[in-house]
PDB file of N, CA and C in Angstrom:
ATOM      1  N   MET A   1     -32.524-159.241  78.220  1.00  0.00           N
ATOM      2  CA  MET A   1     -31.771-159.138  79.847  1.00  0.00           C
ATOM      3  C   MET A   1     -30.738-159.697  80.020  1.00  0.00           C
ATOM      4  N   VAL A   2     -29.643-158.832  79.350  1.00  0.00           N
ATOM      5  CA  VAL A   2     -28.611-158.708  80.436  1.00  0.00           C
ATOM      6  C   VAL A   2     -28.829-157.012  80.330  1.00  0.00           C
ATOM      7  N   THR A   3     -29.514-156.132  78.952  1.00  0.00           N
ATOM      8  CA  THR A   3     -29.432-154.405  78.919  1.00  0.00           C
ATOM      9  C   THR A   3     -30.642-154.603  80.647  1.00  0.00           C
ATOM     10  N   ILE A   4     -31.480-155.653  81.221  1.00  0.00           N
ATOM     11  CA  ILE A   4     -32.610-155.247  81.837  1.00  0.00           C
ATOM     12  C   ILE A   4     -31.174-155.736  83.786  1.00  0.00           C
ATOM     13  N   LYS A   5     -30.683-156.608  83.431  1.00  0.00           N
ATOM     14  CA  LYS A   5     -29.486-156.543  84.086  1.00  0.00           C
ATOM     15  C   LYS A   5     -29.053-155.141  84.488  1.00  0.00           C
ATOM     16  N   ILE A   6     -28.299-154.374  83.894  1.00  0.00           N
ATOM     17  CA  ILE A   6     -27.222-153.550  83.205  1.00  0.00           C
ATOM     18  C   ILE A   6     -28.101-152.387  83.783  1.00  0.00           C
ATOM     19  N   ALA A   7     -29.494-152.083  83.996  1.00  0.00           N
ATOM     20  CA  ALA A   7     -29.889-151.070  83.736  1.00  0.00           C
ATOM     21  C   ALA A   7     -30.202-151.448  85.310  1.00  0.00           C
ATOM     22  N   THR A   8     -30.937-151.959  85.632  1.00  0.00           N
ATOM     23  CA  THR A   8     -31.131-152.109  87.101  1.00  0.00           C
ATOM     24  C   THR A   8     -30.142-151.974  87.803  1.00  0.00           C
ATOM     25  N   ILE A   9     -29.277-152.682  87.824  1.00  0.00           N
ATOM     26  CA  ILE A   9     -27.445-152.043  88.292  1.00  0.00           C
ATOM     27  C   ILE A   9     -27.545-149.954  88.266  1.00  0.00           C
ATOM     28  N   ALA A  10     -27.109-149.996  87.648  1.00  0.00           N
ATOM     29  CA  ALA A  10     -27.361-149.068  87.182  1.00  0.00           C
ATOM     30  C   ALA A  10     -28.210-147.642  87.608  1.00  0.00           C
ATOM     31  N   ALA A  11     -29.480-148.081  88.282  1.00  0.00           N
ATOM     32  CA  ALA A  11     -30.263-147.844  89.401  1.00  0.00           C
ATOM     33  C   ALA A  11     -29.582-147.473  90.363  1.00  0.00           C
ATOM     34  N   VAL A  12     -29.216-148.910  90.635  1.00  0.00           N
ATOM     35  CA  VAL A  12     -28.158-148.605  92.062  1.00  0.00           C
ATOM     36  C   VAL A  12     -27.989-148.482  92.690  1.00  0.00           C
ATOM     37  N   LEU A  13     -26.278-148.250  91.471  1.00  0.00           N
ATOM     38  CA  LEU A  13     -25.684-147.235  92.094  1.00  0.00           C
ATOM     39  C   LEU A  13     -26.129-145.922  91.924  1.00  0.00           C
ATOM     40  N   ALA A  14     -26.494-145.570  91.212  1.00  0.00           N
ATOM     41  CA  ALA A  14     -27.334-143.807  90.933  1.00  0.00           C
ATOM     42  C   ALA A  14     -27.985-144.082  92.416  1.00  0.00           C
ATOM     43  N   SER A  15     -29.236-144.589  93.058  1.00  0.00           N
ATOM     44  CA  SER A  15     -29.667-144.486  94.711  1.00  0.00           C
ATOM     45  C   SER A  15     -28.459-144.659  95.429  1.00  0.00           C
ATOM     46  N   THR A  16     -28.086-145.539  95.449  1.00  0.00           N
ATOM     47  CA  THR A  16     -26.818-145.587  96.485  1.00  0.00           C
ATOM     48  C   THR A  16     -25.541-144.386  96.805  1.00  0.00           C
ATOM     49  N   ALA A  17     -25.160-143.525  95.389  1.00  0.00           N
ATOM     50  CA  ALA A  17     -24.056-142.715  95.102  1.00  0.00           C
ATOM     51  C   ALA A  17     -25.196-141.281  96.174  1.00  0.00           C
ATOM     52  N   SER A  18     -26.156-141.009  96.036  1.00  0.00           N
ATOM     53  CA  SER A  18     -26.994-139.705  96.405  1.00  0.00           C
ATOM     54  C   SER A  18     -27.081-139.859  97.781  1.00  0.00           C
ATOM     55  N   VAL A  19     -27.219-140.977  98.550  1.00  0.00           N
ATOM     56  CA  VAL A  19     -26.669-140.662 100.344  1.00  0.00           C
ATOM     57  C   VAL A  19     -25.141-140.547 100.818  1.00  0.00           C
ATOM     58  N   SER A  20     -25.678-139.587 101.546  1.00  0.00           N
ATOM     59  CA  SER A  20     -24.396-139.217 102.377  1.00  0.00           C
ATOM     60  C   SER A  20     -24.435-139.343 103.452  1.00  0.00           C
ATOM     61  N   ALA A  21     -23.110-139.127 104.241  1.00  0.00           N
ATOM     62  CA  ALA A  21     -23.274-138.620 105.560  1.00  0.00           C
ATOM     63  C   ALA A  21     -23.021-137.102 105.852  1.00  0.00           C
ATOM     64  N   THR A  22     -23.650-137.037 106.914  1.00  0.00           N
ATOM     65  CA  THR A  22     -22.895-135.370 107.263  1.00  0.00           C
ATOM     66  C   THR A  22     -22.224-135.348 107.961  1.00  0.00           C
ATOM     67  N   TRP A  23     -21.187-134.648 107.910  1.00  0.00           N
ATOM     68  CA  TRP A  23     -19.795-133.753 109.223  1.00  0.00           C
ATOM     69  C   TRP A  23     -20.438-133.083 109.605  1.00  0.00           C
ATOM     70  N   PHE A  24     -20.701-134.267 111.657  1.00  0.00           N
ATOM     71  CA  PHE A  24     -20.790-133.384 111.990  1.00  0.00           C
ATOM     72  C   PHE A  24     -19.537-132.632 113.370  1.00  0.00           C
ATOM     73  N   HIS A  25     -19.572-131.453 113.371  1.00  0.00           N
ATOM     74  CA  HIS A  25     -18.239-130.660 114.132  1.00  0.00           C
ATOM     75  C   HIS A  25     -19.025-130.117 115.585  1.00  0.00           C
ATOM     76  N   VAL A  26     -17.624-129.668 116.129  1.00  0.00           N
ATOM     77  CA  VAL A  26     -17.992-129.374 117.548  1.00  0.00           C
ATOM     78  C   VAL A  26     -16.812-128.184 117.458  1.00  0.00           C
ATOM     79  N   ASN A  27     -17.809-126.983 117.537  1.00  0.00           N
ATOM     80  CA  ASN A  27     -16.492-125.593 117.697  1.00  0.00           C
ATOM     81  C   ASN A  27     -16.006-125.862 118.764  1.00  0.00           C
ATOM     82  N   ARG A  28     -16.650-125.801 120.103  1.00  0.00           N
ATOM     83  CA  ARG A  28     -15.836-125.811 121.055  1.00  0.00           C
ATOM     84  C   ARG A  28     -15.931-127.011 122.762  1.00  0.00           C
ATOM     85  N   GLY A  29     -15.277-127.198 122.715  1.00  0.00           N
ATOM     86  CA  GLY A  29     -14.798-128.390 123.994  1.00  0.00           C
ATOM     87  C   GLY A  29     -15.347-130.051 123.532  1.00  0.00           C
ATOM     88  N   CYS A  30     -16.044-130.302 124.816  1.00  0.00           N
ATOM     89  CA  CYS A  30     -16.674-131.790 124.261  1.00  0.00           C
ATOM     90  C   CYS A  30     -17.781-132.308 123.954  1.00  0.00           C
ATOM     91  N   ILE A  31     -18.224-132.853 123.441  1.00  0.00           N
ATOM     92  CA  ILE A  31     -19.415-133.983 123.545  1.00  0.00           C
ATOM     93  C   ILE A  31     -19.621-135.461 123.891  1.00  0.00           C
ATOM     94  N   LEU A  32     -20.241-135.848 123.901  1.00  0.00           N
ATOM     95  CA  LEU A  32     -20.773-136.913 123.338  1.00  0.00           C
ATOM     96  C   LEU A  32     -21.255-137.635 122.316  1.00  0.00           C
ATOM     97  N   LEU A  33     -21.203-137.942 121.235  1.00  0.00           N
ATOM     98  CA  LEU A  33     -21.788-137.492 120.061  1.00  0.00           C
ATOM     99  C   LEU A  33     -22.482-139.605 120.287  1.00  0.00           C
ATOM    100  N   ASN A  34     -23.878-139.541 120.250  1.00  0.00           N
ATOM    101  CA  ASN A  34     -23.749-141.158 119.592  1.00  0.00           C
ATOM    102  C   ASN A  34     -23.702-141.885 120.297  1.00  0.00           C
ATOM    103  N   GLN A  35     -22.510-141.377 122.209  1.00  0.00           N
ATOM    104  CA  GLN A  35     -22.034-142.131 123.382  1.00  0.00           C
ATOM    105  C   GLN A  35     -20.671-142.245 122.943  1.00  0.00           C
ATOM    106  N   ALA A  36     -20.476-141.545 122.258  1.00  0.00           N
ATOM    107  CA  ALA A  36     -18.308-141.843 121.326  1.00  0.00           C
ATOM    108  C   ALA A  36     -18.366-140.222 122.128  1.00  0.00           C
ATOM    109  N   ILE A  37     -17.225-140.002 122.786  1.00  0.00           N
ATOM    110  CA  ILE A  37     -16.696-138.184 122.794  1.00  0.00           C
ATOM    111  C   ILE A  37     -16.017-137.700 121.552  1.00  0.00           C
ATOM    112  N   LEU A  38     -16.554-136.614 121.113  1.00  0.00           N
ATOM    113  CA  LEU A  38     -15.862-135.894 120.092  1.00  0.00           C
ATOM    114  C   LEU A  38     -16.189-134.916 120.414  1.00  0.00           C
ATOM    115  N   CYS A  39     -14.705-134.429 120.071  1.00  0.00           N
ATOM    116  CA  CYS A  39     -14.222-132.455 120.600  1.00  0.00           C
ATOM    117  C   CYS A  39     -13.904-131.622 119.700  1.00  0.00           C
ATOM    118  N   ALA A  40     -13.233-130.345 119.657  1.00  0.00           N
ATOM    119  CA  ALA A  40     -13.537-129.269 118.843  1.00  0.00           C
ATOM    120  C   ALA A  40     -12.009-130.202 118.464  1.00  0.00           C
ATOM    121  N   GLY A  41     -10.773-129.300 117.704  1.00  0.00           N
ATOM    122  CA  GLY A  41      -9.662-129.561 117.365  1.00  0.00           C
ATOM    123  C   GLY A  41      -9.575-130.208 115.597  1.00  0.00           C
ATOM    124  N   LYS A  42      -8.210-130.307 115.553  1.00  0.00           N
ATOM    125  CA  LYS A  42      -8.318-131.961 114.984  1.00  0.00           C
ATOM    126  C   LYS A  42      -9.341-132.758 114.737  1.00  0.00           C
ATOM    127  N   ASP A  43      -9.174-133.358 115.327  1.00  0.00           N
ATOM    128  CA  ASP A  43     -11.005-134.099 115.474  1.00  0.00           C
ATOM    129  C   ASP A  43     -11.908-133.813 116.042  1.00  0.00           C
ATOM    130  N   GLY A  44     -12.294-133.493 115.567  1.00  0.00           N
ATOM    131  CA  GLY A  44     -13.727-132.297 115.417  1.00  0.00           C
ATOM    132  C   GLY A  44     -14.382-132.773 114.842  1.00  0.00           C
ATOM    133  N   ALA A  45     -14.616-133.456 113.827  1.00  0.00           N
ATOM    134  CA  ALA A  45     -15.420-133.562 113.241  1.00  0.00           C
ATOM    135  C   ALA A  45     -15.933-135.499 112.816  1.00  0.00           C
ATOM    136  N   ARG A  46     -16.996-135.523 113.205  1.00  0.00           N
ATOM    137  CA  ARG A  46     -17.498-136.975 112.102  1.00  0.00           C
ATOM    138  C   ARG A  46     -18.260-137.531 111.622  1.00  0.00           C
ATOM    139  N   GLN A  47     -18.226-137.916 111.160  1.00  0.00           N
ATOM    140  CA  GLN A  47     -19.991-138.669 109.962  1.00  0.00           C
ATOM    141  C   GLN A  47     -20.744-138.994 110.451  1.00  0.00           C
ATOM    142  N   ILE A  48     -22.183-138.803 110.475  1.00  0.00           N
ATOM    143  CA  ILE A  48     -23.701-139.132 110.390  1.00  0.00           C
ATOM    144  C   ILE A  48     -24.007-139.599 109.624  1.00  0.00           C
ATOM    145  N   ASP A  49     -24.462-140.866 109.571  1.00  0.00           N
ATOM    146  CA  ASP A  49     -25.534-140.789 108.805  1.00  0.00           C
ATOM    147  C   ASP A  49     -27.172-140.723 109.200  1.00  0.00           C
ATOM    148  N   GLY A  50     -28.663-140.512 108.031  1.00  0.00           N
ATOM    149  CA  GLY A  50     -29.683-140.567 108.702  1.00  0.00           C
ATOM    150  C   GLY A  50     -29.562-139.020 108.916  1.00  0.00           C
ATOM    151  N   GLY A  51     -29.162-137.508 109.357  1.00  0.00           N
ATOM    152  CA  GLY A  51     -30.003-136.950 110.157  1.00  0.00           C
ATOM    153  C   GLY A  51     -30.713-136.744 111.158  1.00  0.00           C
ATOM    154  N   LYS A  52     -29.932-137.189 111.839  1.00  0.00           N
ATOM    155  CA  LYS A  52     -30.272-137.741 113.267  1.00  0.00           C
ATOM    156  C   LYS A  52     -28.926-137.920 114.423  1.00  0.00           C
ATOM    157  N   ALA A  53     -29.369-137.680 115.474  1.00  0.00           N
ATOM    158  CA  ALA A  53     -28.046-137.507 116.538  1.00  0.00           C
ATOM    159  C   ALA A  53     -28.602-137.631 118.031  1.00  0.00           C
ATOM    160  N   HIS A  54     -27.685-138.384 118.573  1.00  0.00           N
ATOM    161  CA  HIS A  54     -27.860-138.271 120.067  1.00  0.00           C
ATOM    162  C   HIS A  54     -26.890-137.293 121.249  1.00  0.00           C
ATOM    163  N   VAL A  55     -27.168-135.884 121.348  1.00  0.00           N
ATOM    164  CA  VAL A  55     -25.779-135.295 121.765  1.00  0.00           C
ATOM    165  C   VAL A  55     -25.692-135.439 123.632  1.00  0.00           C
ATOM    166  N   GLU A  56     -25.125-135.808 123.781  1.00  0.00           N
ATOM    167  CA  GLU A  56     -25.038-135.053 125.143  1.00  0.00           C
ATOM    168  C   GLU A  56     -24.222-133.917 125.748  1.00  0.00           C
ATOM    169  N   ALA A  57     -24.660-132.830 126.084  1.00  0.00           N
ATOM    170  CA  ALA A  57     -23.381-131.784 126.389  1.00  0.00           C
ATOM    171  C   ALA A  57     -23.488-131.158 128.105  1.00  0.00           C
ATOM    172  N   LYS A  58     -22.904-130.367 128.113  1.00  0.00           N
ATOM    173  CA  LYS A  58     -22.262-129.600 129.233  1.00  0.00           C
ATOM    174  C   LYS A  58     -21.866-130.237 130.220  1.00  0.00           C
ATOM    175  N   LEU A  59     -20.936-131.184 130.176  1.00  0.00           N
ATOM    176  CA  LEU A  59     -20.223-132.452 130.589  1.00  0.00           C
ATOM    177  C   LEU A  59     -20.048-132.427 131.854  1.00  0.00           C
ATOM    178  N   ASP A  60     -18.859-130.953 131.897  1.00  0.00           N
ATOM    179  CA  ASP A  60     -18.557-130.300 133.660  1.00  0.00           C
ATOM    180  C   ASP A  60     -19.726-129.191 134.063  1.00  0.00           C
ATOM    181  N   GLN A  61     -20.942-129.201 133.989  1.00  0.00           N
ATOM    182  CA  GLN A  61     -21.836-128.455 134.698  1.00  0.00           C
ATOM    183  C   GLN A  61     -22.926-129.147 135.142  1.00  0.00           C
ATOM    184  N   THR A  62     -23.174-128.863 136.124  1.00  0.00           N
ATOM    185  CA  THR A  62     -24.481-129.305 136.315  1.00  0.00           C
ATOM    186  C   THR A  62     -25.202-129.154 135.915  1.00  0.00           C
ATOM    187  N   SER A  63     -25.785-128.341 135.334  1.00  0.00           N
ATOM    188  CA  SER A  63     -26.844-128.265 133.816  1.00  0.00           C
ATOM    189  C   SER A  63     -26.633-129.073 132.399  1.00  0.00           C
ATOM    190  N   HIS A  64     -26.284-130.808 133.229  1.00  0.00           N
ATOM    191  CA  HIS A  64     -25.727-131.670 132.308  1.00  0.00           C
ATOM    192  C   HIS A  64     -27.584-131.612 130.838  1.00  0.00           C
ATOM    193  N   CYS A  65     -27.107-131.361 130.079  1.00  0.00           N
ATOM    194  CA  CYS A  65     -28.313-131.519 128.613  1.00  0.00           C
ATOM    195  C   CYS A  65     -27.935-133.255 127.910  1.00  0.00           C
ATOM    196  N   THR A  66     -29.682-133.556 127.350  1.00  0.00           N
ATOM    197  CA  THR A  66     -28.851-135.057 127.181  1.00  0.00           C
ATOM    198  C   THR A  66     -30.385-134.074 125.685  1.00  0.00           C
ATOM    199  N   LYS A  67     -29.902-134.728 124.405  1.00  0.00           N
ATOM    200  CA  LYS A  67     -30.943-133.911 123.148  1.00  0.00           C
ATOM    201  C   LYS A  67     -30.909-135.257 122.256  1.00  0.00           C
ATOM    202  N   ASP A  68     -31.919-135.137 121.241  1.00  0.00           N
ATOM    203  CA  ASP A  68     -32.056-135.652 120.655  1.00  0.00           C
ATOM    204  C   ASP A  68     -31.796-134.120 119.103  1.00  0.00           C
ATOM    205  N   PHE A  69     -30.759-134.695 118.230  1.00  0.00           N
ATOM    206  CA  PHE A  69     -31.078-132.962 117.256  1.00  0.00           C
ATOM    207  C   PHE A  69     -30.885-134.570 115.652  1.00  0.00           C
ATOM    208  N   THR A  70     -32.129-132.962 115.172  1.00  0.00           N
ATOM    209  CA  THR A  70     -32.213-133.423 113.121  1.00  0.00           C
ATOM    210  C   THR A  70     -32.460-132.411 112.773  1.00  0.00           C
ATOM    211  N   TRP A  71     -32.287-132.899 111.842  1.00  0.00           N
ATOM    212  CA  TRP A  71     -31.223-131.954 110.285  1.00  0.00           C
ATOM    213  C   TRP A  71     -31.775-133.063 108.251  1.00  0.00           C
ATOM    214  N   PRO A  72     -31.928-132.079 108.532  1.00  0.00           N
ATOM    215  CA  PRO A  72     -31.981-132.436 106.144  1.00  0.00           C
ATOM    216  C   PRO A  72     -31.133-133.994 106.127  1.00  0.00           C
ATOM    217  N   SER A  73     -31.037-134.723 105.942  1.00  0.00           N
ATOM    218  CA  SER A  73     -30.134-135.606 106.000  1.00  0.00           C
ATOM    219  C   SER A  73     -29.164-135.319 104.534  1.00  0.00           C
ATOM    220  N   ASN A  74     -29.738-134.275 103.472  1.00  0.00           N
ATOM    221  CA  ASN A  74     -28.422-133.645 102.845  1.00  0.00           C
ATOM    222  C   ASN A  74     -27.594-133.442 103.384  1.00  0.00           C
ATOM    223  N   TYR A  75     -27.171-132.375 104.115  1.00  0.00           N
ATOM    224  CA  TYR A  75     -26.492-131.859 104.871  1.00  0.00           C
ATOM    225  C   TYR A  75     -25.134-131.842 104.876  1.00  0.00           C
ATOM    226  N   GLY A  76     -24.193-131.362 103.781  1.00  0.00           N
ATOM    227  CA  GLY A  76     -22.879-131.691 103.549  1.00  0.00           C
ATOM    228  C   GLY A  76     -22.444-131.121 105.344  1.00  0.00           C
ATOM    229  N   ASP A  77     -22.189-130.877 106.099  1.00  0.00           N
ATOM    230  CA  ASP A  77     -21.771-130.612 107.235  1.00  0.00           C
ATOM    231  C   ASP A  77     -23.041-129.561 108.013  1.00  0.00           C
ATOM    232  N   ILE A  78     -22.403-129.694 109.393  1.00  0.00           N
ATOM    233  CA  ILE A  78     -23.528-129.031 110.976  1.00  0.00           C
ATOM    234  C   ILE A  78     -21.966-128.788 111.610  1.00  0.00           C
ATOM    235  N   TYR A  79     -22.671-127.823 112.714  1.00  0.00           N
ATOM    236  CA  TYR A  79     -21.896-127.366 113.547  1.00  0.00           C
ATOM    237  C   TYR A  79     -22.846-127.641 114.568  1.00  0.00           C
ATOM    238  N   TYR A  80     -21.822-128.158 116.101  1.00  0.00           N
ATOM    239  CA  TYR A  80     -22.667-127.627 117.468  1.00  0.00           C
ATOM    240  C   TYR A  80     -21.968-126.075 117.576  1.00  0.00           C
ATOM    241  N   GLY A  81     -22.574-125.715 118.098  1.00  0.00           N
ATOM    242  CA  GLY A  81     -21.669-124.070 118.482  1.00  0.00           C
ATOM    243  C   GLY A  81     -21.569-124.548 119.966  1.00  0.00           C
ATOM    244  N   ALA A  82     -20.418-123.214 120.344  1.00  0.00           N
ATOM    245  CA  ALA A  82     -20.332-123.361 121.787  1.00  0.00           C
ATOM    246  C   ALA A  82     -21.218-122.982 122.344  1.00  0.00           C
ATOM    247  N   ASP A  83     -22.555-121.986 122.534  1.00  0.00           N
ATOM    248  CA  ASP A  83     -23.709-121.594 122.555  1.00  0.00           C
ATOM    249  C   ASP A  83     -24.531-123.733 122.785  1.00  0.00           C
ATOM    250  N   ASN A  84     -24.274-124.499 122.217  1.00  0.00           N
ATOM    251  CA  ASN A  84     -24.876-125.400 122.669  1.00  0.00           C
ATOM    252  C   ASN A  84     -26.206-125.349 121.970  1.00  0.00           C
ATOM    253  N   CYS A  85     -26.066-125.286 120.563  1.00  0.00           N
ATOM    254  CA  CYS A  85     -27.104-124.745 119.611  1.00  0.00           C
ATOM    255  C   CYS A  85     -27.034-125.384 118.584  1.00  0.00           C
ATOM    256  N   LEU A  86     -27.744-126.142 117.684  1.00  0.00           N
ATOM    257  CA  LEU A  86     -26.813-126.841 116.148  1.00  0.00           C
ATOM    258  C   LEU A  86     -27.316-126.185 115.017  1.00  0.00           C
ATOM    259  N   TYR A  87     -25.898-126.002 113.965  1.00  0.00           N
ATOM    260  CA  TYR A  87     -26.128-124.745 112.824  1.00  0.00           C
ATOM    261  C   TYR A  87     -25.734-125.439 111.631  1.00  0.00           C
ATOM    262  N   ASP A  88     -26.003-124.410 110.703  1.00  0.00           N
ATOM    263  CA  ASP A  88     -25.595-125.455 109.171  1.00  0.00           C
ATOM    264  C   ASP A  88     -24.181-124.443 108.574  1.00  0.00           C
ATOM    265  N   SER A  89     -23.677-124.933 107.924  1.00  0.00           N
ATOM    266  CA  SER A  89     -22.659-124.182 107.041  1.00  0.00           C
ATOM    267  C   SER A  89     -22.129-123.487 107.368  1.00  0.00           C
ATOM    268  N   LYS A  90     -24.041-122.368 106.983  1.00  0.00           N
ATOM    269  CA  LYS A  90     -23.954-120.625 106.887  1.00  0.00           C
ATOM    270  C   LYS A  90     -24.041-120.291 107.833  1.00  0.00           C
ATOM    271  N   GLY A  91     -23.991-120.721 109.033  1.00  0.00           N
ATOM    272  CA  GLY A  91     -24.179-120.360 110.811  1.00  0.00           C
ATOM    273  C   GLY A  91     -25.635-120.049 110.489  1.00  0.00           C
ATOM    274  N   GLN A  92     -26.589-120.760 109.725  1.00  0.00           N
ATOM    275  CA  GLN A  92     -27.811-120.701 110.624  1.00  0.00           C
ATOM    276  C   GLN A  92     -28.682-121.866 111.690  1.00  0.00           C
ATOM    277  N   ASN A  93     -28.848-121.295 112.432  1.00  0.00           N
ATOM    278  CA  ASN A  93     -29.534-122.257 113.197  1.00  0.00           C
ATOM    279  C   ASN A  93     -30.094-123.302 112.074  1.00  0.00           C
ATOM    280  N   ILE A  94     -29.820-124.582 112.865  1.00  0.00           N
ATOM    281  CA  ILE A  94     -31.379-125.694 112.239  1.00  0.00           C
ATOM    282  C   ILE A  94     -32.220-125.361 113.555  1.00  0.00           C
ATOM    283  N   GLY A  95     -33.361-125.433 112.851  1.00  0.00           N
ATOM    284  CA  GLY A  95     -34.909-125.737 113.217  1.00  0.00           C
ATOM    285  C   GLY A  95     -35.338-125.254 115.257  1.00  0.00           C
ATOM    286  N   GLY A  96     -34.074-123.686 115.433  1.00  0.00           N
ATOM    287  CA  GLY A  96     -34.267-123.354 116.579  1.00  0.00           C
ATOM    288  C   GLY A  96     -33.344-124.542 117.613  1.00  0.00           C
ATOM    289  N   GLN A  97     -32.564-125.841 117.535  1.00  0.00           N
ATOM    290  CA  GLN A  97     -32.460-126.661 118.080  1.00  0.00           C
ATOM    291  C   GLN A  97     -31.219-125.837 119.175  1.00  0.00           C
ATOM    292  N   CYS A  98     -31.601-126.227 120.384  1.00  0.00           N
ATOM    293  CA  CYS A  98     -30.368-126.365 121.455  1.00  0.00           C
ATOM    294  C   CYS A  98     -30.054-126.494 122.763  1.00  0.00           C
ATOM    295  N   CYS A  99     -29.100-126.823 122.840  1.00  0.00           N
ATOM    296  CA  CYS A  99     -29.530-128.469 124.314  1.00  0.00           C
ATOM    297  C   CYS A  99     -29.145-127.230 125.316  1.00  0.00           C
TER     298      CYS A  99
END
């Protein structure tokens, strides 16, 4: 009985350890990320779970943009570029997604 409980706890801990959040960075300016302001600079990153986020960009322009972005949930860092596109940590656009 004890062996089964230990194995179950170990399995739960292993599955929990594999879940990680992605750091969402902003390269220039400010955006609304899931209805919270996120700006470039010292505070230019926020952890996002689940591989998706709602972004509002071009906030000071008449061509305001609203878009739901998605990415592989195992990405450690993604970047919202100055060109309003989403990039991985290697600088590759993620799925052609731009606002």
